[in-house]
């Protein structure tokens, strides 16, 4: 199957190019402003964090008035706080009686480079090949895996690379709305994230039936502290985070997902 590798300054993305030119075309909406507002609301709902209306209006105005959005400008409009994190972050996964795990651990905050991330955004807004939607989606996945913000990574990634109706009209992918209302899309997205995420898993120290309540709490605290130490001790390199190689199966999942959303 045809493979495509694209070098974007310090970033590298590779994927199976088969079927990218057959992804369905989405109809241009009558009211872009209304669609953008709804899309950000849907994005907030799937994150279970509803932002004030003023923030949403500021973000839509920012996207409308900037041909190529700046990460810091959009983040300030949407969240009204410092853009890039100075701590470790991870995406929660399982936390049961036996294990605690992270679906993805973000890049070490010392390796977050705002200029290089902006170069990624700049590149995709200028890219005009037939596989643009796939490239946008791959860059969105890169951004999510890097996780440069303390909060709002999903919303920022979707707005920058997929859901900017004003500047990416022909490549618009209303992923947030699909994730909110379509369980199959959500399942496919979870499979894609699982294939590209840098996860961690830790076996818990077991709590025995005879343990008194106070000892149970101590064990739970020990388990959490040990897990946080594991997260903070992330040894993955910047280049590992900057290189995204989508295998054939993941590429097919993405094409299937995009066709479900855009047809």
C-alpha atoms as a PDB file:
ATOM      1  CA  UNK A   1       0.000   0.000   0.000  1.00  0.00           C
ATOM      2  CA  UNK A   2       1.243   3.545  -0.722  1.00  0.00           C
ATOM      3  CA  UNK A   3       3.061   5.168   2.169  1.00  0.00           C
ATOM      4  CA  UNK A   4       3.469   8.905   2.591  1.00  0.00           C
ATOM      5  CA  UNK A   5       6.118  10.494   4.801  1.00  0.00           C
ATOM      6  CA  UNK A   6       6.089  14.246   5.351  1.00  0.00           C
ATOM      7  CA  UNK A   7       8.810  16.174   7.141  1.00  0.00           C
ATOM      8  CA  UNK A   8       7.592  19.356   8.850  1.00  0.00           C
ATOM      9  CA  UNK A   9      10.677  21.051  10.265  1.00  0.00           C
ATOM     10  CA  UNK A  10      11.382  18.972  13.400  1.00  0.00           C
ATOM     11  CA  UNK A  11       8.243  16.844  12.997  1.00  0.00           C
ATOM     12  CA  UNK A  12       7.744  13.719  10.894  1.00  0.00           C
ATOM     13  CA  UNK A  13       4.433  12.071  10.025  1.00  0.00           C
ATOM     14  CA  UNK A  14       3.989   8.836   8.073  1.00  0.00           C
ATOM     15  CA  UNK A  15       0.763   7.165   7.007  1.00  0.00           C
ATOM     16  CA  UNK A  16      -0.891   4.895   4.476  1.00  0.00           C
ATOM     17  CA  UNK A  17      -2.066   7.181   1.655  1.00  0.00           C
ATOM     18  CA  UNK A  18      -4.592   4.701   0.277  1.00  0.00           C
ATOM     19  CA  UNK A  19      -8.127   6.094   0.268  1.00  0.00           C
ATOM     20  CA  UNK A  20      -7.235   9.621   1.393  1.00  0.00           C
ATOM     21  CA  UNK A  21      -8.422  11.111  -1.894  1.00  0.00           C
ATOM     22  CA  UNK A  22     -11.786   9.360  -1.511  1.00  0.00           C
ATOM     23  CA  UNK A  23     -12.754  10.886   1.826  1.00  0.00           C
ATOM     24  CA  UNK A  24     -16.221  12.362   1.495  1.00  0.00           C
ATOM     25  CA  UNK A  25     -16.789  16.032   0.793  1.00  0.00           C
ATOM     26  CA  UNK A  26     -18.717  18.003   3.377  1.00  0.00           C
ATOM     27  CA  UNK A  27     -21.344  20.506   2.321  1.00  0.00           C
ATOM     28  CA  UNK A  28     -20.552  24.144   3.027  1.00  0.00           C
ATOM     29  CA  UNK A  29     -22.784  25.356   5.864  1.00  0.00           C
ATOM     30  CA  UNK A  30     -25.135  28.275   5.427  1.00  0.00           C
ATOM     31  CA  UNK A  31     -24.170  29.891   8.727  1.00  0.00           C
ATOM     32  CA  UNK A  32     -20.483  29.432   9.580  1.00  0.00           C
ATOM     33  CA  UNK A  33     -20.745  31.525  12.767  1.00  0.00           C
ATOM     34  CA  UNK A  34     -23.527  29.380  14.156  1.00  0.00           C
ATOM     35  CA  UNK A  35     -21.702  26.175  13.236  1.00  0.00           C
ATOM     36  CA  UNK A  36     -18.475  27.326  14.884  1.00  0.00           C
ATOM     37  CA  UNK A  37     -20.283  28.272  18.076  1.00  0.00           C
ATOM     38  CA  UNK A  38     -22.097  24.924  18.199  1.00  0.00           C
ATOM     39  CA  UNK A  39     -18.889  23.056  17.500  1.00  0.00           C
ATOM     40  CA  UNK A  40     -17.083  24.707  20.419  1.00  0.00           C
ATOM     41  CA  UNK A  41     -20.064  23.961  22.671  1.00  0.00           C
ATOM     42  CA  UNK A  42     -19.919  20.301  21.605  1.00  0.00           C
ATOM     43  CA  UNK A  43     -16.164  20.321  22.221  1.00  0.00           C
ATOM     44  CA  UNK A  44     -16.769  21.621  25.741  1.00  0.00           C
ATOM     45  CA  UNK A  45     -19.481  19.047  26.391  1.00  0.00           C
ATOM     46  CA  UNK A  46     -17.307  16.055  25.548  1.00  0.00           C
ATOM     47  CA  UNK A  47     -14.660  17.448  27.919  1.00  0.00           C
ATOM     48  CA  UNK A  48     -17.371  18.047  30.565  1.00  0.00           C
ATOM     49  CA  UNK A  49     -16.181  21.626  31.012  1.00  0.00           C
ATOM     50  CA  UNK A  50     -18.427  24.402  29.696  1.00  0.00           C
ATOM     51  CA  UNK A  51     -16.573  27.671  29.152  1.00  0.00           C
ATOM     52  CA  UNK A  52     -18.282  31.082  29.479  1.00  0.00           C
ATOM     53  CA  UNK A  53     -20.092  32.364  26.382  1.00  0.00           C
ATOM     54  CA  UNK A  54     -17.744  35.348  26.185  1.00  0.00           C
ATOM     55  CA  UNK A  55     -14.778  32.992  25.843  1.00  0.00           C
ATOM     56  CA  UNK A  56     -16.485  31.067  23.055  1.00  0.00           C
ATOM     57  CA  UNK A  57     -17.426  34.272  21.233  1.00  0.00           C
ATOM     58  CA  UNK A  58     -13.861  35.573  21.587  1.00  0.00           C
ATOM     59  CA  UNK A  59     -12.479  32.327  20.155  1.00  0.00           C
ATOM     60  CA  UNK A  60     -14.823  32.336  17.153  1.00  0.00           C
ATOM     61  CA  UNK A  61     -13.986  35.970  16.422  1.00  0.00           C
ATOM     62  CA  UNK A  62     -10.291  35.203  16.715  1.00  0.00           C
ATOM     63  CA  UNK A  63     -10.506  32.309  14.262  1.00  0.00           C
ATOM     64  CA  UNK A  64     -12.587  34.357  11.845  1.00  0.00           C
ATOM     65  CA  UNK A  65     -10.103  37.232  11.800  1.00  0.00           C
ATOM     66  CA  UNK A  66      -6.825  35.302  11.610  1.00  0.00           C
ATOM     67  CA  UNK A  67      -5.903  33.441   8.445  1.00  0.00           C
ATOM     68  CA  UNK A  68      -3.400  31.319  10.367  1.00  0.00           C
ATOM     69  CA  UNK A  69      -4.259  31.123  14.079  1.00  0.00           C
ATOM     70  CA  UNK A  70      -1.498  31.573  16.612  1.00  0.00           C
ATOM     71  CA  UNK A  71      -1.580  29.005  19.401  1.00  0.00           C
ATOM     72  CA  UNK A  72      -1.144  31.584  22.149  1.00  0.00           C
ATOM     73  CA  UNK A  73      -3.748  33.903  20.641  1.00  0.00           C
ATOM     74  CA  UNK A  74      -6.406  31.202  20.386  1.00  0.00           C
ATOM     75  CA  UNK A  75      -5.642  29.793  23.828  1.00  0.00           C
ATOM     76  CA  UNK A  76      -5.895  33.231  25.403  1.00  0.00           C
ATOM     77  CA  UNK A  77      -9.213  33.856  23.640  1.00  0.00           C
ATOM     78  CA  UNK A  78     -10.666  30.513  24.689  1.00  0.00           C
ATOM     79  CA  UNK A  79      -9.233  29.943  28.175  1.00  0.00           C
ATOM     80  CA  UNK A  80      -7.930  33.325  29.436  1.00  0.00           C
ATOM     81  CA  UNK A  81      -4.877  31.843  31.133  1.00  0.00           C
ATOM     82  CA  UNK A  82      -1.237  30.968  30.541  1.00  0.00           C
ATOM     83  CA  UNK A  83      -0.861  28.916  27.386  1.00  0.00           C
ATOM     84  CA  UNK A  84       1.941  26.422  27.929  1.00  0.00           C
ATOM     85  CA  UNK A  85       2.315  24.203  30.962  1.00  0.00           C
ATOM     86  CA  UNK A  86       5.208  23.963  33.420  1.00  0.00           C
ATOM     87  CA  UNK A  87       4.319  20.587  34.889  1.00  0.00           C
ATOM     88  CA  UNK A  88       3.769  16.959  33.912  1.00  0.00           C
ATOM     89  CA  UNK A  89       0.376  15.920  32.526  1.00  0.00           C
ATOM     90  CA  UNK A  90      -1.286  12.677  31.541  1.00  0.00           C
ATOM     91  CA  UNK A  91      -4.620  11.461  30.195  1.00  0.00           C
ATOM     92  CA  UNK A  92      -6.487   9.241  32.649  1.00  0.00           C
ATOM     93  CA  UNK A  93      -7.213   5.674  31.658  1.00  0.00           C
ATOM     94  CA  UNK A  94      -7.996   2.799  34.042  1.00  0.00           C
ATOM     95  CA  UNK A  95      -7.986   3.082  37.820  1.00  0.00           C
ATOM     96  CA  UNK A  96      -9.354  -0.009  39.517  1.00  0.00           C
ATOM     97  CA  UNK A  97      -8.429  -2.297  42.407  1.00  0.00           C
ATOM     98  CA  UNK A  98      -5.502  -3.824  40.500  1.00  0.00           C
ATOM     99  CA  UNK A  99      -3.984  -1.163  38.237  1.00  0.00           C
ATOM    100  CA  UNK A 100      -3.750   2.543  37.564  1.00  0.00           C
ATOM    101  CA  UNK A 101      -2.895   3.702  34.070  1.00  0.00           C
ATOM    102  CA  UNK A 102      -2.522   6.670  31.753  1.00  0.00           C
ATOM    103  CA  UNK A 103      -3.670   6.570  28.136  1.00  0.00           C
ATOM    104  CA  UNK A 104      -1.005   9.122  27.248  1.00  0.00           C
ATOM    105  CA  UNK A 105       1.756  10.984  29.055  1.00  0.00           C
ATOM    106  CA  UNK A 106       2.542  14.409  27.635  1.00  0.00           C
ATOM    107  CA  UNK A 107       6.020  15.474  26.611  1.00  0.00           C
ATOM    108  CA  UNK A 108       8.292  16.714  29.413  1.00  0.00           C
ATOM    109  CA  UNK A 109       7.414  20.365  29.906  1.00  0.00           C
ATOM    110  CA  UNK A 110      11.060  21.370  29.465  1.00  0.00           C
ATOM    111  CA  UNK A 111      10.779  20.130  25.868  1.00  0.00           C
ATOM    112  CA  UNK A 112       7.696  22.165  24.944  1.00  0.00           C
ATOM    113  CA  UNK A 113       8.778  24.532  22.169  1.00  0.00           C
ATOM    114  CA  UNK A 114       6.048  27.071  21.273  1.00  0.00           C
ATOM    115  CA  UNK A 115       7.820  28.107  18.062  1.00  0.00           C
ATOM    116  CA  UNK A 116       8.072  24.557  16.745  1.00  0.00           C
ATOM    117  CA  UNK A 117       4.436  23.858  17.584  1.00  0.00           C
ATOM    118  CA  UNK A 118       3.421  27.022  15.749  1.00  0.00           C
ATOM    119  CA  UNK A 119       5.446  25.871  12.735  1.00  0.00           C
ATOM    120  CA  UNK A 120       3.297  22.737  12.683  1.00  0.00           C
ATOM    121  CA  UNK A 121       0.159  24.893  12.544  1.00  0.00           C
ATOM    122  CA  UNK A 122       1.643  27.201   9.905  1.00  0.00           C
ATOM    123  CA  UNK A 123       2.545  24.251   7.697  1.00  0.00           C
ATOM    124  CA  UNK A 124      -0.900  22.665   7.577  1.00  0.00           C
ATOM    125  CA  UNK A 125      -2.643  25.957   6.813  1.00  0.00           C
ATOM    126  CA  UNK A 126      -0.455  26.298   3.713  1.00  0.00           C
ATOM    127  CA  UNK A 127      -0.582  22.632   2.688  1.00  0.00           C
ATOM    128  CA  UNK A 128      -2.821  22.066  -0.345  1.00  0.00           C
ATOM    129  CA  UNK A 129      -2.330  18.482  -1.553  1.00  0.00           C
ATOM    130  CA  UNK A 130      -5.155  15.982  -2.095  1.00  0.00           C
ATOM    131  CA  UNK A 131      -4.403  14.235   1.207  1.00  0.00           C
ATOM    132  CA  UNK A 132      -4.685  17.450   3.243  1.00  0.00           C
ATOM    133  CA  UNK A 133      -7.396  16.102   5.551  1.00  0.00           C
ATOM    134  CA  UNK A 134      -5.219  13.133   6.493  1.00  0.00           C
ATOM    135  CA  UNK A 135      -2.243  15.425   7.115  1.00  0.00           C
ATOM    136  CA  UNK A 136      -4.385  17.703   9.284  1.00  0.00           C
ATOM    137  CA  UNK A 137      -5.620  14.721  11.267  1.00  0.00           C
ATOM    138  CA  UNK A 138      -2.090  13.376  11.737  1.00  0.00           C
ATOM    139  CA  UNK A 139      -0.915  16.778  12.999  1.00  0.00           C
ATOM    140  CA  UNK A 140      -3.883  16.865  15.365  1.00  0.00           C
ATOM    141  CA  UNK A 141      -2.768  13.494  16.759  1.00  0.00           C
ATOM    142  CA  UNK A 142       0.792  14.777  17.150  1.00  0.00           C
ATOM    143  CA  UNK A 143      -0.484  17.779  19.065  1.00  0.00           C
ATOM    144  CA  UNK A 144      -2.621  15.615  21.335  1.00  0.00           C
ATOM    145  CA  UNK A 145       0.251  13.262  22.095  1.00  0.00           C
ATOM    146  CA  UNK A 146       2.565  16.179  22.937  1.00  0.00           C
ATOM    147  CA  UNK A 147      -0.153  17.692  25.174  1.00  0.00           C
ATOM    148  CA  UNK A 148       1.439  21.154  25.498  1.00  0.00           C
ATOM    149  CA  UNK A 149      -1.215  22.683  27.765  1.00  0.00           C
ATOM    150  CA  UNK A 150      -2.165  22.031  31.358  1.00  0.00           C
ATOM    151  CA  UNK A 151      -5.799  21.948  30.261  1.00  0.00           C
ATOM    152  CA  UNK A 152      -7.729  22.211  27.004  1.00  0.00           C
ATOM    153  CA  UNK A 153      -5.459  20.116  24.779  1.00  0.00           C
ATOM    154  CA  UNK A 154      -8.314  18.328  23.023  1.00  0.00           C
ATOM    155  CA  UNK A 155     -10.250  21.508  22.354  1.00  0.00           C
ATOM    156  CA  UNK A 156      -7.176  23.353  21.109  1.00  0.00           C
ATOM    157  CA  UNK A 157      -6.070  20.504  18.867  1.00  0.00           C
ATOM    158  CA  UNK A 158      -9.492  20.122  17.277  1.00  0.00           C
ATOM    159  CA  UNK A 159      -9.931  23.869  16.749  1.00  0.00           C
ATOM    160  CA  UNK A 160      -6.472  24.362  15.261  1.00  0.00           C
ATOM    161  CA  UNK A 161      -6.341  21.388  12.916  1.00  0.00           C
ATOM    162  CA  UNK A 162      -9.876  20.157  12.221  1.00  0.00           C
ATOM    163  CA  UNK A 163     -12.698  22.476  13.215  1.00  0.00           C
ATOM    164  CA  UNK A 164     -11.697  25.934  11.986  1.00  0.00           C
ATOM    165  CA  UNK A 165     -14.659  26.474   9.684  1.00  0.00           C
ATOM    166  CA  UNK A 166     -13.461  29.920   8.619  1.00  0.00           C
ATOM    167  CA  UNK A 167      -9.985  29.060   7.360  1.00  0.00           C
ATOM    168  CA  UNK A 168     -10.245  25.303   6.669  1.00  0.00           C
ATOM    169  CA  UNK A 169     -13.640  25.257   4.974  1.00  0.00           C
ATOM    170  CA  UNK A 170     -12.843  22.500   2.461  1.00  0.00           C
ATOM    171  CA  UNK A 171     -11.098  20.393   5.114  1.00  0.00           C
ATOM    172  CA  UNK A 172     -13.528  20.992   7.973  1.00  0.00           C
ATOM    173  CA  UNK A 173     -13.986  17.931  10.210  1.00  0.00           C
ATOM    174  CA  UNK A 174     -16.664  18.418  12.918  1.00  0.00           C
ATOM    175  CA  UNK A 175     -15.040  15.843  15.180  1.00  0.00           C
ATOM    176  CA  UNK A 176     -16.377  17.281  18.446  1.00  0.00           C
ATOM    177  CA  UNK A 177     -20.002  16.990  17.339  1.00  0.00           C
ATOM    178  CA  UNK A 178     -19.409  13.450  16.089  1.00  0.00           C
ATOM    179  CA  UNK A 179     -17.728  12.441  19.357  1.00  0.00           C
ATOM    180  CA  UNK A 180     -20.610  13.876  21.348  1.00  0.00           C
ATOM    181  CA  UNK A 181     -23.408  12.132  19.469  1.00  0.00           C
ATOM    182  CA  UNK A 182     -21.919   9.088  17.705  1.00  0.00           C
ATOM    183  CA  UNK A 183     -20.714   6.205  19.873  1.00  0.00           C
ATOM    184  CA  UNK A 184     -19.068   4.446  16.940  1.00  0.00           C
ATOM    185  CA  UNK A 185     -16.958   7.504  16.127  1.00  0.00           C
ATOM    186  CA  UNK A 186     -15.949   7.733  19.784  1.00  0.00           C
ATOM    187  CA  UNK A 187     -14.935   4.069  19.777  1.00  0.00           C
ATOM    188  CA  UNK A 188     -12.880   4.499  16.598  1.00  0.00           C
ATOM    189  CA  UNK A 189     -11.213   7.589  18.025  1.00  0.00           C
ATOM    190  CA  UNK A 190     -10.276   5.683  21.175  1.00  0.00           C
ATOM    191  CA  UNK A 191      -8.695   2.959  19.038  1.00  0.00           C
ATOM    192  CA  UNK A 192      -6.684   5.544  17.117  1.00  0.00           C
ATOM    193  CA  UNK A 193      -5.486   7.250  20.298  1.00  0.00           C
ATOM    194  CA  UNK A 194      -4.563   3.901  21.820  1.00  0.00           C
ATOM    195  CA  UNK A 195      -2.328   3.136  18.842  1.00  0.00           C
ATOM    196  CA  UNK A 196      -0.384   6.427  19.009  1.00  0.00           C
ATOM    197  CA  UNK A 197      -0.415   7.364  22.698  1.00  0.00           C
ATOM    198  CA  UNK A 198       2.488   7.016  25.109  1.00  0.00           C
ATOM    199  CA  UNK A 199       0.727   5.273  27.964  1.00  0.00           C
ATOM    200  CA  UNK A 200       1.838   4.005  31.349  1.00  0.00           C
ATOM    201  CA  UNK A 201       0.459   1.253  33.553  1.00  0.00           C
ATOM    202  CA  UNK A 202       1.269   0.383  37.157  1.00  0.00           C
ATOM    203  CA  UNK A 203       0.162  -2.523  39.315  1.00  0.00           C
ATOM    204  CA  UNK A 204      -1.218  -1.345  42.615  1.00  0.00           C
ATOM    205  CA  UNK A 205      -0.149  -2.499  46.015  1.00  0.00           C
ATOM    206  CA  UNK A 206      -3.128  -4.588  47.032  1.00  0.00           C
ATOM    207  CA  UNK A 207      -5.491  -3.733  49.859  1.00  0.00           C
ATOM    208  CA  UNK A 208      -6.404  -6.802  51.899  1.00  0.00           C
ATOM    209  CA  UNK A 209      -9.817  -7.519  53.349  1.00  0.00           C
ATOM    210  CA  UNK A 210      -8.517  -7.294  56.881  1.00  0.00           C
ATOM    211  CA  UNK A 211      -6.868  -3.880  56.463  1.00  0.00           C
ATOM    212  CA  UNK A 212      -8.379  -1.165  58.625  1.00  0.00           C
ATOM    213  CA  UNK A 213      -9.763   1.961  56.943  1.00  0.00           C
ATOM    214  CA  UNK A 214      -6.850   4.236  57.809  1.00  0.00           C
ATOM    215  CA  UNK A 215      -4.364   1.730  56.378  1.00  0.00           C
ATOM    216  CA  UNK A 216      -6.443   1.453  53.217  1.00  0.00           C
ATOM    217  CA  UNK A 217      -6.151   5.221  52.738  1.00  0.00           C
ATOM    218  CA  UNK A 218      -2.389   5.055  53.263  1.00  0.00           C
ATOM    219  CA  UNK A 219      -2.049   2.348  50.609  1.00  0.00           C
ATOM    220  CA  UNK A 220      -4.154   4.365  48.164  1.00  0.00           C
ATOM    221  CA  UNK A 221      -1.942   7.397  48.742  1.00  0.00           C
ATOM    222  CA  UNK A 222       1.211   5.312  48.276  1.00  0.00           C
ATOM    223  CA  UNK A 223      -0.141   3.960  44.994  1.00  0.00           C
ATOM    224  CA  UNK A 224      -0.973   7.435  43.683  1.00  0.00           C
ATOM    225  CA  UNK A 225       2.382   8.885  44.703  1.00  0.00           C
ATOM    226  CA  UNK A 226       4.221   6.024  43.043  1.00  0.00           C
ATOM    227  CA  UNK A 227       2.208   6.527  39.861  1.00  0.00           C
ATOM    228  CA  UNK A 228       2.897  10.281  39.843  1.00  0.00           C
ATOM    229  CA  UNK A 229       6.605   9.541  40.227  1.00  0.00           C
ATOM    230  CA  UNK A 230       6.375   7.285  37.177  1.00  0.00           C
ATOM    231  CA  UNK A 231       4.693  10.065  35.185  1.00  0.00           C
ATOM    232  CA  UNK A 232       7.265  12.651  36.268  1.00  0.00           C
ATOM    233  CA  UNK A 233      10.088  10.276  35.345  1.00  0.00           C
ATOM    234  CA  UNK A 234       9.014  10.133  31.695  1.00  0.00           C
ATOM    235  CA  UNK A 235      12.187   9.300  29.736  1.00  0.00           C
ATOM    236  CA  UNK A 236      10.759   9.586  26.217  1.00  0.00           C
ATOM    237  CA  UNK A 237      12.675  11.951  23.998  1.00  0.00           C
ATOM    238  CA  UNK A 238      11.433  14.988  22.160  1.00  0.00           C
ATOM    239  CA  UNK A 239      12.056  13.206  18.859  1.00  0.00           C
ATOM    240  CA  UNK A 240       9.833  10.321  19.917  1.00  0.00           C
ATOM    241  CA  UNK A 241       6.978  12.747  20.492  1.00  0.00           C
ATOM    242  CA  UNK A 242       7.682  14.557  17.229  1.00  0.00           C
ATOM    243  CA  UNK A 243       7.601  11.403  15.081  1.00  0.00           C
ATOM    244  CA  UNK A 244       4.220   9.906  14.231  1.00  0.00           C
ATOM    245  CA  UNK A 245       4.192   6.701  12.183  1.00  0.00           C
ATOM    246  CA  UNK A 246       0.632   5.566  11.550  1.00  0.00           C
ATOM    247  CA  UNK A 247       0.578   1.899  10.586  1.00  0.00           C
ATOM    248  CA  UNK A 248      -1.763   0.572   7.898  1.00  0.00           C
ATOM    249  CA  UNK A 249      -4.459  -0.430  10.367  1.00  0.00           C
ATOM    250  CA  UNK A 250      -4.495   2.967  12.106  1.00  0.00           C
ATOM    251  CA  UNK A 251      -4.506   4.779   8.755  1.00  0.00           C
ATOM    252  CA  UNK A 252      -7.548   2.740   7.689  1.00  0.00           C
ATOM    253  CA  UNK A 253      -9.300   3.522  10.977  1.00  0.00           C
ATOM    254  CA  UNK A 254      -8.743   7.240  10.412  1.00  0.00           C
ATOM    255  CA  UNK A 255     -10.057   7.119   6.834  1.00  0.00           C
ATOM    256  CA  UNK A 256     -13.114   5.191   8.056  1.00  0.00           C
ATOM    257  CA  UNK A 257     -13.680   7.696  10.855  1.00  0.00           C
ATOM    258  CA  UNK A 258     -13.343  10.698   8.536  1.00  0.00           C
ATOM    259  CA  UNK A 259     -15.778   9.212   6.045  1.00  0.00           C
ATOM    260  CA  UNK A 260     -18.317   8.623   8.816  1.00  0.00           C
ATOM    261  CA  UNK A 261     -18.065  12.270   9.872  1.00  0.00           C
ATOM    262  CA  UNK A 262     -17.886  14.010   6.504  1.00  0.00           C
ATOM    263  CA  UNK A 263     -20.360  12.093   4.344  1.00  0.00           C
END
